[in-house]
Amino acid sequence: MARTAPAGRRPRDSGWSNPTVYVAALLLVGLMLGPVLYIIIGGFRTNSQITTDPAGLPDPWEFGNYTDVLASGTFWRQVGNSTIVALVTTIGVVGLGVMASYVLARYRFRGRGAMYALFAAGLMFPATVAITPLYILIKNLGLVNTLPGVILPQIAFGLPTTVIILVPFLRAIPKEIEEAAAIDRCSRLGFFWRMVLPLSVPGLITTGILAFIGSWNSYLLPLFILNNQDTFTLPLGVQAFASQYSVDTAKVLAFTSLSMIPALVFFSLFERRIVGGLTGAVKG
């Protein structure tokens, strides 16, 4: 028998029963996905189609733009550069971040709060502010036009976010587990490898995804550090390609589409991991 609501009390409205919410959500999704779809579909058109009907669909579909880009050695060289930079940056950010977070979360020492506040302040310090002294430093180290000249600063700028996310994870690990490990003669380093890392996997995945996507899409730092086209990453490659083929709009759209697809796919596959990791960090 169905349970009825008490007299004089209306059933609670979840808010999603209102069609206005769905309409607003669809409009928001359309505003975000519209430019992406336009770029992808535009790569299947010809320049004359784009000029005649900028908002139309391909008629007929032109696959030559994408095949030309995929057959280019420059494109794959830039894909390799971006992959190397993103992977090394992710490994460095996650590795150094989890070690720093472990110390801040599990040890008590003078200046711990100030050190944590310093990492938190790093979130409010954009790379654009430090780009000039950073370039001078990279130049003095002889790392201009090299991938390490991009990787090292990206690791540094990625650490604040990683520490802020991981510290609650590591702090939430029960003290009893560490005491039990000490009774079993497990060293602090052994406890870190055997217990801390497995228990903080959601946070590690979250920070790794954020670091990878941020590095893949980074433009300003490589723009200042890399001047040789052989070391260009994909964001710089898109700019160089657009300048070289400025009159071939369709091919530029195809190059741009292929450049952003890896990041879109990567983010879509691990979207739930990001949300779950951030939720765990807030609960911790």
C-alpha atoms as a PDB file:
ATOM      1  CA  MET A   1       0.000   0.000   0.000  1.00  0.00           C
ATOM      2  CA  ALA A   2       1.487   3.343  -1.001  1.00  0.00           C
ATOM      3  CA  ARG A   3       2.310   5.758   1.775  1.00  0.00           C
ATOM      4  CA  THR A   4       0.656   9.141   1.440  1.00  0.00           C
ATOM      5  CA  ALA A   5       2.110  12.405   2.607  1.00  0.00           C
ATOM      6  CA  PRO A   6       0.768  13.816   5.905  1.00  0.00           C
ATOM      7  CA  ALA A   7      -2.148  16.175   5.593  1.00  0.00           C
ATOM      8  CA  GLY A   8      -1.162  19.773   5.033  1.00  0.00           C
ATOM      9  CA  ARG A   9       2.357  18.871   3.867  1.00  0.00           C
ATOM     10  CA  ARG A  10       3.358  18.907   0.215  1.00  0.00           C
ATOM     11  CA  PRO A  11       5.799  16.358  -1.128  1.00  0.00           C
ATOM     12  CA  ARG A  12       9.301  17.789  -1.460  1.00  0.00           C
ATOM     13  CA  ASP A  13      10.134  18.979  -4.937  1.00  0.00           C
ATOM     14  CA  SER A  14      13.569  17.854  -6.024  1.00  0.00           C
ATOM     15  CA  GLY A  15      13.882  20.766  -8.437  1.00  0.00           C
ATOM     16  CA  TRP A  16      14.642  18.547 -11.419  1.00  0.00           C
ATOM     17  CA  SER A  17      10.928  18.055 -12.154  1.00  0.00           C
ATOM     18  CA  ASN A  18      10.876  21.614 -13.462  1.00  0.00           C
ATOM     19  CA  PRO A  19      11.486  21.520 -17.244  1.00  0.00           C
ATOM     20  CA  THR A  20      13.192  24.909 -17.038  1.00  0.00           C
ATOM     21  CA  VAL A  21      16.126  23.227 -15.309  1.00  0.00           C
ATOM     22  CA  TYR A  22      16.550  20.790 -18.180  1.00  0.00           C
ATOM     23  CA  VAL A  23      16.297  23.555 -20.764  1.00  0.00           C
ATOM     24  CA  ALA A  24      18.921  25.633 -18.953  1.00  0.00           C
ATOM     25  CA  ALA A  25      21.195  22.584 -18.631  1.00  0.00           C
ATOM     26  CA  LEU A  26      20.859  21.775 -22.334  1.00  0.00           C
ATOM     27  CA  LEU A  27      21.603  25.372 -23.288  1.00  0.00           C
ATOM     28  CA  LEU A  28      24.707  25.361 -21.086  1.00  0.00           C
ATOM     29  CA  VAL A  29      25.908  22.075 -22.577  1.00  0.00           C
ATOM     30  CA  GLY A  30      25.227  23.407 -26.058  1.00  0.00           C
ATOM     31  CA  LEU A  31      27.266  26.554 -25.404  1.00  0.00           C
ATOM     32  CA  MET A  32      30.208  24.445 -24.225  1.00  0.00           C
ATOM     33  CA  LEU A  33      30.070  21.725 -26.879  1.00  0.00           C
ATOM     34  CA  GLY A  34      29.020  23.928 -29.791  1.00  0.00           C
ATOM     35  CA  PRO A  35      32.474  25.339 -30.608  1.00  0.00           C
ATOM     36  CA  VAL A  36      34.070  21.905 -30.217  1.00  0.00           C
ATOM     37  CA  LEU A  37      31.590  20.270 -32.589  1.00  0.00           C
ATOM     38  CA  TYR A  38      31.962  23.147 -35.049  1.00  0.00           C
ATOM     39  CA  ILE A  39      35.742  22.663 -35.156  1.00  0.00           C
ATOM     40  CA  ILE A  40      35.494  18.884 -35.588  1.00  0.00           C
ATOM     41  CA  ILE A  41      32.816  19.032 -38.277  1.00  0.00           C
ATOM     42  CA  GLY A  42      34.547  21.969 -39.969  1.00  0.00           C
ATOM     43  CA  GLY A  43      37.532  19.734 -40.621  1.00  0.00           C
ATOM     44  CA  PHE A  44      35.323  17.604 -42.892  1.00  0.00           C
ATOM     45  CA  ARG A  45      34.417  20.596 -45.089  1.00  0.00           C
ATOM     46  CA  THR A  46      36.166  22.453 -47.859  1.00  0.00           C
ATOM     47  CA  ASN A  47      37.137  26.108 -47.760  1.00  0.00           C
ATOM     48  CA  SER A  48      34.452  26.952 -50.295  1.00  0.00           C
ATOM     49  CA  GLN A  49      31.793  25.281 -48.137  1.00  0.00           C
ATOM     50  CA  ILE A  50      32.928  27.231 -45.083  1.00  0.00           C
ATOM     51  CA  THR A  51      32.874  30.489 -47.055  1.00  0.00           C
ATOM     52  CA  THR A  52      29.481  29.857 -48.633  1.00  0.00           C
ATOM     53  CA  ASP A  53      27.690  28.428 -45.568  1.00  0.00           C
ATOM     54  CA  PRO A  54      29.751  28.835 -42.367  1.00  0.00           C
ATOM     55  CA  ALA A  55      27.142  27.084 -40.167  1.00  0.00           C
ATOM     56  CA  GLY A  56      26.226  24.287 -42.583  1.00  0.00           C
ATOM     57  CA  LEU A  57      27.070  20.602 -42.583  1.00  0.00           C
ATOM     58  CA  PRO A  58      29.650  19.087 -44.935  1.00  0.00           C
ATOM     59  CA  ASP A  59      28.203  18.379 -48.374  1.00  0.00           C
ATOM     60  CA  PRO A  60      29.974  16.260 -49.417  1.00  0.00           C
ATOM     61  CA  TRP A  61      32.145  15.129 -46.510  1.00  0.00           C
ATOM     62  CA  GLU A  62      35.821  15.854 -47.131  1.00  0.00           C
ATOM     63  CA  PHE A  63      38.198  13.444 -45.362  1.00  0.00           C
ATOM     64  CA  GLY A  64      41.336  14.701 -47.072  1.00  0.00           C
ATOM     65  CA  ASN A  65      41.979  17.400 -44.457  1.00  0.00           C
ATOM     66  CA  TYR A  66      42.310  14.847 -41.664  1.00  0.00           C
ATOM     67  CA  THR A  67      44.315  12.376 -43.732  1.00  0.00           C
ATOM     68  CA  ASP A  68      46.768  15.101 -44.745  1.00  0.00           C
ATOM     69  CA  VAL A  69      47.322  16.067 -41.115  1.00  0.00           C
ATOM     70  CA  LEU A  70      47.692  12.435 -40.009  1.00  0.00           C
ATOM     71  CA  ALA A  71      50.210  11.829 -42.779  1.00  0.00           C
ATOM     72  CA  SER A  72      52.332  14.757 -41.618  1.00  0.00           C
ATOM     73  CA  GLY A  73      55.476  13.951 -39.669  1.00  0.00           C
ATOM     74  CA  THR A  74      55.321  17.340 -37.961  1.00  0.00           C
ATOM     75  CA  PHE A  75      52.002  16.492 -36.332  1.00  0.00           C
ATOM     76  CA  TRP A  76      53.250  13.203 -34.883  1.00  0.00           C
ATOM     77  CA  ARG A  77      56.485  14.791 -33.683  1.00  0.00           C
ATOM     78  CA  GLN A  78      54.455  17.370 -31.778  1.00  0.00           C
ATOM     79  CA  VAL A  79      52.199  14.623 -30.410  1.00  0.00           C
ATOM     80  CA  GLY A  80      55.310  12.841 -29.145  1.00  0.00           C
ATOM     81  CA  ASN A  81      56.643  16.034 -27.531  1.00  0.00           C
ATOM     82  CA  SER A  82      53.325  16.705 -25.804  1.00  0.00           C
ATOM     83  CA  THR A  83      53.103  13.107 -24.612  1.00  0.00           C
ATOM     84  CA  ILE A  84      56.607  13.163 -23.154  1.00  0.00           C
ATOM     85  CA  VAL A  85      56.045  16.496 -21.434  1.00  0.00           C
ATOM     86  CA  ALA A  86      52.646  15.473 -20.058  1.00  0.00           C
ATOM     87  CA  LEU A  87      53.754  12.047 -18.795  1.00  0.00           C
ATOM     88  CA  VAL A  88      56.964  13.252 -17.139  1.00  0.00           C
ATOM     89  CA  THR A  89      55.139  16.221 -15.620  1.00  0.00           C
ATOM     90  CA  THR A  90      52.420  13.925 -14.250  1.00  0.00           C
ATOM     91  CA  ILE A  91      54.936  11.511 -12.738  1.00  0.00           C
ATOM     92  CA  GLY A  92      56.882  14.367 -11.159  1.00  0.00           C
ATOM     93  CA  VAL A  93      53.806  16.143  -9.797  1.00  0.00           C
ATOM     94  CA  VAL A  94      52.269  12.996  -8.325  1.00  0.00           C
ATOM     95  CA  GLY A  95      55.543  11.586  -6.982  1.00  0.00           C
ATOM     96  CA  LEU A  96      56.789  14.751  -5.316  1.00  0.00           C
ATOM     97  CA  GLY A  97      53.277  15.781  -4.281  1.00  0.00           C
ATOM     98  CA  VAL A  98      52.460  12.568  -2.427  1.00  0.00           C
ATOM     99  CA  MET A  99      55.787  12.653  -0.570  1.00  0.00           C
ATOM    100  CA  ALA A 100      55.302  16.276   0.506  1.00  0.00           C
ATOM    101  CA  SER A 101      51.679  15.593   1.421  1.00  0.00           C
ATOM    102  CA  TYR A 102      52.668  12.578   3.520  1.00  0.00           C
ATOM    103  CA  VAL A 103      55.016  14.693   5.607  1.00  0.00           C
ATOM    104  CA  LEU A 104      52.482  17.491   6.046  1.00  0.00           C
ATOM    105  CA  ALA A 105      49.640  15.113   6.901  1.00  0.00           C
ATOM    106  CA  ARG A 106      51.323  12.563   9.184  1.00  0.00           C
ATOM    107  CA  TYR A 107      54.199  14.386  10.910  1.00  0.00           C
ATOM    108  CA  ARG A 108      54.151  17.115  13.529  1.00  0.00           C
ATOM    109  CA  PHE A 109      56.971  19.649  13.333  1.00  0.00           C
ATOM    110  CA  ARG A 110      57.484  23.345  13.728  1.00  0.00           C
ATOM    111  CA  GLY A 111      56.471  25.296  10.657  1.00  0.00           C
ATOM    112  CA  ARG A 112      54.139  22.630   9.282  1.00  0.00           C
ATOM    113  CA  GLY A 113      51.208  25.031   9.104  1.00  0.00           C
ATOM    114  CA  ALA A 114      53.299  27.698   7.410  1.00  0.00           C
ATOM    115  CA  MET A 115      54.530  25.184   4.840  1.00  0.00           C
ATOM    116  CA  TYR A 116      50.992  24.050   4.082  1.00  0.00           C
ATOM    117  CA  ALA A 117      49.897  27.680   3.785  1.00  0.00           C
ATOM    118  CA  LEU A 118      52.761  28.256   1.348  1.00  0.00           C
ATOM    119  CA  PHE A 119      51.469  25.484  -0.906  1.00  0.00           C
ATOM    120  CA  ALA A 120      47.944  26.879  -0.605  1.00  0.00           C
ATOM    121  CA  ALA A 121      49.219  30.325  -1.592  1.00  0.00           C
ATOM    122  CA  GLY A 122      50.705  28.746  -4.717  1.00  0.00           C
ATOM    123  CA  LEU A 123      47.162  28.294  -6.018  1.00  0.00           C
ATOM    124  CA  MET A 124      46.836  32.084  -6.176  1.00  0.00           C
ATOM    125  CA  PHE A 125      50.159  32.574  -7.980  1.00  0.00           C
ATOM    126  CA  PRO A 126      49.590  32.244 -11.753  1.00  0.00           C
ATOM    127  CA  ALA A 127      52.373  31.388 -14.134  1.00  0.00           C
ATOM    128  CA  THR A 128      51.830  34.628 -16.041  1.00  0.00           C
ATOM    129  CA  VAL A 129      53.153  36.620 -13.066  1.00  0.00           C
ATOM    130  CA  ALA A 130      56.405  34.665 -12.928  1.00  0.00           C
ATOM    131  CA  ILE A 131      56.955  34.119 -16.623  1.00  0.00           C
ATOM    132  CA  THR A 132      59.723  36.722 -17.014  1.00  0.00           C
ATOM    133  CA  PRO A 133      61.940  35.681 -14.055  1.00  0.00           C
ATOM    134  CA  LEU A 134      61.147  32.059 -14.896  1.00  0.00           C
ATOM    135  CA  TYR A 135      62.415  32.516 -18.445  1.00  0.00           C
ATOM    136  CA  ILE A 136      65.601  34.131 -17.150  1.00  0.00           C
ATOM    137  CA  LEU A 137      66.141  31.210 -14.785  1.00  0.00           C
ATOM    138  CA  ILE A 138      65.536  28.633 -17.514  1.00  0.00           C
ATOM    139  CA  LYS A 139      67.909  30.521 -19.821  1.00  0.00           C
ATOM    140  CA  ASN A 140      70.656  30.608 -17.179  1.00  0.00           C
ATOM    141  CA  LEU A 141      70.255  26.851 -16.714  1.00  0.00           C
ATOM    142  CA  GLY A 142      70.636  26.316 -20.463  1.00  0.00           C
ATOM    143  CA  LEU A 143      67.225  24.688 -20.834  1.00  0.00           C
ATOM    144  CA  VAL A 144      65.729  27.007 -23.465  1.00  0.00           C
ATOM    145  CA  ASN A 145      64.364  25.070 -26.480  1.00  0.00           C
ATOM    146  CA  THR A 146      64.405  21.831 -24.485  1.00  0.00           C
ATOM    147  CA  LEU A 147      61.545  19.780 -23.091  1.00  0.00           C
ATOM    148  CA  PRO A 148      63.003  19.758 -19.545  1.00  0.00           C
ATOM    149  CA  GLY A 149      62.755  23.548 -19.615  1.00  0.00           C
ATOM    150  CA  VAL A 150      58.975  23.123 -19.843  1.00  0.00           C
ATOM    151  CA  ILE A 151      58.637  20.056 -17.621  1.00  0.00           C
ATOM    152  CA  LEU A 152      60.385  21.394 -14.510  1.00  0.00           C
ATOM    153  CA  PRO A 153      58.306  24.607 -14.173  1.00  0.00           C
ATOM    154  CA  GLN A 154      55.099  22.672 -14.851  1.00  0.00           C
ATOM    155  CA  ILE A 155      55.932  20.295 -12.013  1.00  0.00           C
ATOM    156  CA  ALA A 156      56.513  23.231  -9.701  1.00  0.00           C
ATOM    157  CA  PHE A 157      53.221  24.912 -10.622  1.00  0.00           C
ATOM    158  CA  GLY A 158      51.337  21.621 -10.350  1.00  0.00           C
ATOM    159  CA  LEU A 159      52.488  20.805  -6.804  1.00  0.00           C
ATOM    160  CA  PRO A 160      50.159  23.203  -4.905  1.00  0.00           C
ATOM    161  CA  THR A 161      46.994  21.613  -6.300  1.00  0.00           C
ATOM    162  CA  THR A 162      48.374  18.138  -5.686  1.00  0.00           C
ATOM    163  CA  VAL A 163      49.286  18.866  -2.070  1.00  0.00           C
ATOM    164  CA  ILE A 164      45.939  20.511  -1.314  1.00  0.00           C
ATOM    165  CA  ILE A 165      44.085  17.447  -2.657  1.00  0.00           C
ATOM    166  CA  LEU A 166      46.306  14.722  -1.169  1.00  0.00           C
ATOM    167  CA  VAL A 167      46.798  16.048   2.357  1.00  0.00           C
ATOM    168  CA  PRO A 168      43.169  15.308   3.412  1.00  0.00           C
ATOM    169  CA  PHE A 169      43.471  11.800   1.951  1.00  0.00           C
ATOM    170  CA  LEU A 170      46.613  10.986   3.891  1.00  0.00           C
ATOM    171  CA  ARG A 171      45.384  12.689   7.053  1.00  0.00           C
ATOM    172  CA  ALA A 172      42.224  10.548   7.015  1.00  0.00           C
ATOM    173  CA  ILE A 173      44.207   7.294   7.266  1.00  0.00           C
ATOM    174  CA  PRO A 174      43.521   5.970  10.810  1.00  0.00           C
ATOM    175  CA  LYS A 175      46.356   6.285  13.262  1.00  0.00           C
ATOM    176  CA  GLU A 176      45.659   2.740  14.429  1.00  0.00           C
ATOM    177  CA  ILE A 177      46.837   1.350  11.091  1.00  0.00           C
ATOM    178  CA  GLU A 178      50.185   3.094  11.474  1.00  0.00           C
ATOM    179  CA  GLU A 179      50.507   1.854  15.066  1.00  0.00           C
ATOM    180  CA  ALA A 180      49.715  -1.706  14.013  1.00  0.00           C
ATOM    181  CA  ALA A 181      52.328  -1.463  11.247  1.00  0.00           C
ATOM    182  CA  ALA A 182      54.882  -0.232  13.795  1.00  0.00           C
ATOM    183  CA  ILE A 183      54.111  -3.188  16.063  1.00  0.00           C
ATOM    184  CA  ASP A 184      54.769  -5.485  13.097  1.00  0.00           C
ATOM    185  CA  ARG A 185      58.174  -3.791  12.751  1.00  0.00           C
ATOM    186  CA  CYS A 186      57.221  -1.964   9.577  1.00  0.00           C
ATOM    187  CA  SER A 187      59.364   1.097   9.044  1.00  0.00           C
ATOM    188  CA  ARG A 188      57.894   4.474   8.190  1.00  0.00           C
ATOM    189  CA  LEU A 189      59.092   4.105   4.621  1.00  0.00           C
ATOM    190  CA  GLY A 190      57.556   0.631   4.444  1.00  0.00           C
ATOM    191  CA  PHE A 191      54.281   1.967   5.830  1.00  0.00           C
ATOM    192  CA  PHE A 192      54.351   4.651   3.145  1.00  0.00           C
ATOM    193  CA  TRP A 193      54.823   2.153   0.303  1.00  0.00           C
ATOM    194  CA  ARG A 194      52.593  -0.656   1.594  1.00  0.00           C
ATOM    195  CA  MET A 195      49.724   1.258   3.177  1.00  0.00           C
ATOM    196  CA  VAL A 196      49.707   4.955   2.341  1.00  0.00           C
ATOM    197  CA  LEU A 197      50.031   4.678  -1.426  1.00  0.00           C
ATOM    198  CA  PRO A 198      47.334   1.974  -1.892  1.00  0.00           C
ATOM    199  CA  LEU A 199      44.887   3.840   0.356  1.00  0.00           C
ATOM    200  CA  SER A 200      45.410   7.139  -1.472  1.00  0.00           C
ATOM    201  CA  VAL A 201      44.968   5.760  -5.012  1.00  0.00           C
ATOM    202  CA  PRO A 202      41.788   7.823  -5.714  1.00  0.00           C
ATOM    203  CA  GLY A 203      43.609  11.036  -4.840  1.00  0.00           C
ATOM    204  CA  LEU A 204      46.675  10.023  -6.850  1.00  0.00           C
ATOM    205  CA  ILE A 205      44.538   9.321  -9.909  1.00  0.00           C
ATOM    206  CA  THR A 206      42.726  12.635  -9.556  1.00  0.00           C
ATOM    207  CA  THR A 207      45.898  14.690  -9.256  1.00  0.00           C
ATOM    208  CA  GLY A 208      47.531  12.731 -12.062  1.00  0.00           C
ATOM    209  CA  ILE A 209      44.644  13.419 -14.440  1.00  0.00           C
ATOM    210  CA  LEU A 210      44.597  17.117 -13.588  1.00  0.00           C
ATOM    211  CA  ALA A 211      48.368  17.360 -14.062  1.00  0.00           C
ATOM    212  CA  PHE A 212      48.268  15.498 -17.392  1.00  0.00           C
ATOM    213  CA  ILE A 213      45.458  17.580 -18.885  1.00  0.00           C
ATOM    214  CA  GLY A 214      46.974  20.830 -17.607  1.00  0.00           C
ATOM    215  CA  SER A 215      50.322  19.952 -19.149  1.00  0.00           C
ATOM    216  CA  TRP A 216      48.790  18.790 -22.430  1.00  0.00           C
ATOM    217  CA  ASN A 217      46.877  22.054 -22.841  1.00  0.00           C
ATOM    218  CA  SER A 218      49.668  24.324 -21.592  1.00  0.00           C
ATOM    219  CA  TYR A 219      50.422  27.119 -24.027  1.00  0.00           C
ATOM    220  CA  LEU A 220      51.979  30.156 -22.341  1.00  0.00           C
ATOM    221  CA  LEU A 221      55.009  28.449 -20.798  1.00  0.00           C
ATOM    222  CA  PRO A 222      56.016  26.514 -23.948  1.00  0.00           C
ATOM    223  CA  LEU A 223      55.483  29.704 -25.956  1.00  0.00           C
ATOM    224  CA  PHE A 224      58.236  31.449 -23.979  1.00  0.00           C
ATOM    225  CA  ILE A 225      60.593  28.474 -23.601  1.00  0.00           C
ATOM    226  CA  LEU A 226      60.374  26.729 -26.989  1.00  0.00           C
ATOM    227  CA  ASN A 227      61.428  28.521 -30.162  1.00  0.00           C
ATOM    228  CA  ASN A 228      62.535  25.552 -32.264  1.00  0.00           C
ATOM    229  CA  GLN A 229      59.720  23.819 -34.161  1.00  0.00           C
ATOM    230  CA  ASP A 230      61.313  20.428 -33.507  1.00  0.00           C
ATOM    231  CA  THR A 231      60.510  20.862 -29.803  1.00  0.00           C
ATOM    232  CA  PHE A 232      57.011  22.323 -30.230  1.00  0.00           C
ATOM    233  CA  THR A 233      54.156  20.788 -28.289  1.00  0.00           C
ATOM    234  CA  LEU A 234      50.690  20.534 -29.817  1.00  0.00           C
ATOM    235  CA  PRO A 235      49.340  23.912 -28.599  1.00  0.00           C
ATOM    236  CA  LEU A 236      52.304  25.647 -30.207  1.00  0.00           C
ATOM    237  CA  GLY A 237      51.961  23.402 -33.232  1.00  0.00           C
ATOM    238  CA  VAL A 238      48.373  24.545 -33.722  1.00  0.00           C
ATOM    239  CA  GLN A 239      49.486  28.166 -33.704  1.00  0.00           C
ATOM    240  CA  ALA A 240      52.337  27.499 -36.135  1.00  0.00           C
ATOM    241  CA  PHE A 241      50.083  25.458 -38.417  1.00  0.00           C
ATOM    242  CA  ALA A 242      47.387  28.150 -38.397  1.00  0.00           C
ATOM    243  CA  SER A 243      49.990  30.760 -39.345  1.00  0.00           C
ATOM    244  CA  GLN A 244      51.427  28.601 -42.124  1.00  0.00           C
ATOM    245  CA  TYR A 245      48.053  27.608 -43.595  1.00  0.00           C
ATOM    246  CA  SER A 246      46.094  30.736 -42.731  1.00  0.00           C
ATOM    247  CA  VAL A 247      44.195  30.609 -46.027  1.00  0.00           C
ATOM    248  CA  ASP A 248      43.276  26.908 -45.607  1.00  0.00           C
ATOM    249  CA  THR A 249      40.686  27.200 -42.848  1.00  0.00           C
ATOM    250  CA  ALA A 250      39.387  23.637 -43.222  1.00  0.00           C
ATOM    251  CA  LYS A 251      42.791  22.079 -42.746  1.00  0.00           C
ATOM    252  CA  VAL A 252      43.465  24.300 -39.725  1.00  0.00           C
ATOM    253  CA  LEU A 253      40.197  23.097 -38.187  1.00  0.00           C
ATOM    254  CA  ALA A 254      41.218  19.487 -38.845  1.00  0.00           C
ATOM    255  CA  PHE A 255      44.613  20.019 -37.205  1.00  0.00           C
ATOM    256  CA  THR A 256      42.966  21.703 -34.206  1.00  0.00           C
ATOM    257  CA  SER A 257      40.454  18.850 -33.855  1.00  0.00           C
ATOM    258  CA  LEU A 258      43.124  16.167 -33.833  1.00  0.00           C
ATOM    259  CA  SER A 259      45.136  18.171 -31.307  1.00  0.00           C
ATOM    260  CA  MET A 260      42.346  18.435 -28.741  1.00  0.00           C
ATOM    261  CA  ILE A 261      40.800  14.975 -29.154  1.00  0.00           C
ATOM    262  CA  PRO A 262      43.366  13.145 -26.937  1.00  0.00           C
ATOM    263  CA  ALA A 263      42.704  15.467 -24.003  1.00  0.00           C
ATOM    264  CA  LEU A 264      38.929  15.228 -24.493  1.00  0.00           C
ATOM    265  CA  VAL A 265      39.028  11.430 -24.607  1.00  0.00           C
ATOM    266  CA  PHE A 266      41.361  11.220 -21.625  1.00  0.00           C
ATOM    267  CA  PHE A 267      39.172  13.530 -19.554  1.00  0.00           C
ATOM    268  CA  SER A 268      35.966  11.727 -20.570  1.00  0.00           C
ATOM    269  CA  LEU A 269      37.335   8.314 -19.610  1.00  0.00           C
ATOM    270  CA  PHE A 270      38.490   9.424 -16.156  1.00  0.00           C
ATOM    271  CA  GLU A 271      35.816  12.016 -15.345  1.00  0.00           C
ATOM    272  CA  ARG A 272      34.345   9.894 -12.549  1.00  0.00           C
ATOM    273  CA  ARG A 273      37.792   9.376 -11.065  1.00  0.00           C
ATOM    274  CA  ILE A 274      38.268  13.140 -10.845  1.00  0.00           C
ATOM    275  CA  VAL A 275      34.912  13.706  -9.146  1.00  0.00           C
ATOM    276  CA  GLY A 276      35.451  10.784  -6.766  1.00  0.00           C
ATOM    277  CA  GLY A 277      38.932  11.968  -5.820  1.00  0.00           C
ATOM    278  CA  LEU A 278      37.811  15.522  -5.157  1.00  0.00           C
ATOM    279  CA  THR A 279      34.837  14.260  -3.107  1.00  0.00           C
ATOM    280  CA  GLY A 280      37.163  12.137  -1.010  1.00  0.00           C
ATOM    281  CA  ALA A 281      39.470  15.094  -0.461  1.00  0.00           C
ATOM    282  CA  VAL A 282      36.568  17.227   0.793  1.00  0.00           C
ATOM    283  CA  LYS A 283      35.359  14.482   3.145  1.00  0.00           C
ATOM    284  CA  GLY A 284      38.883  13.961   4.463  1.00  0.00           C
END
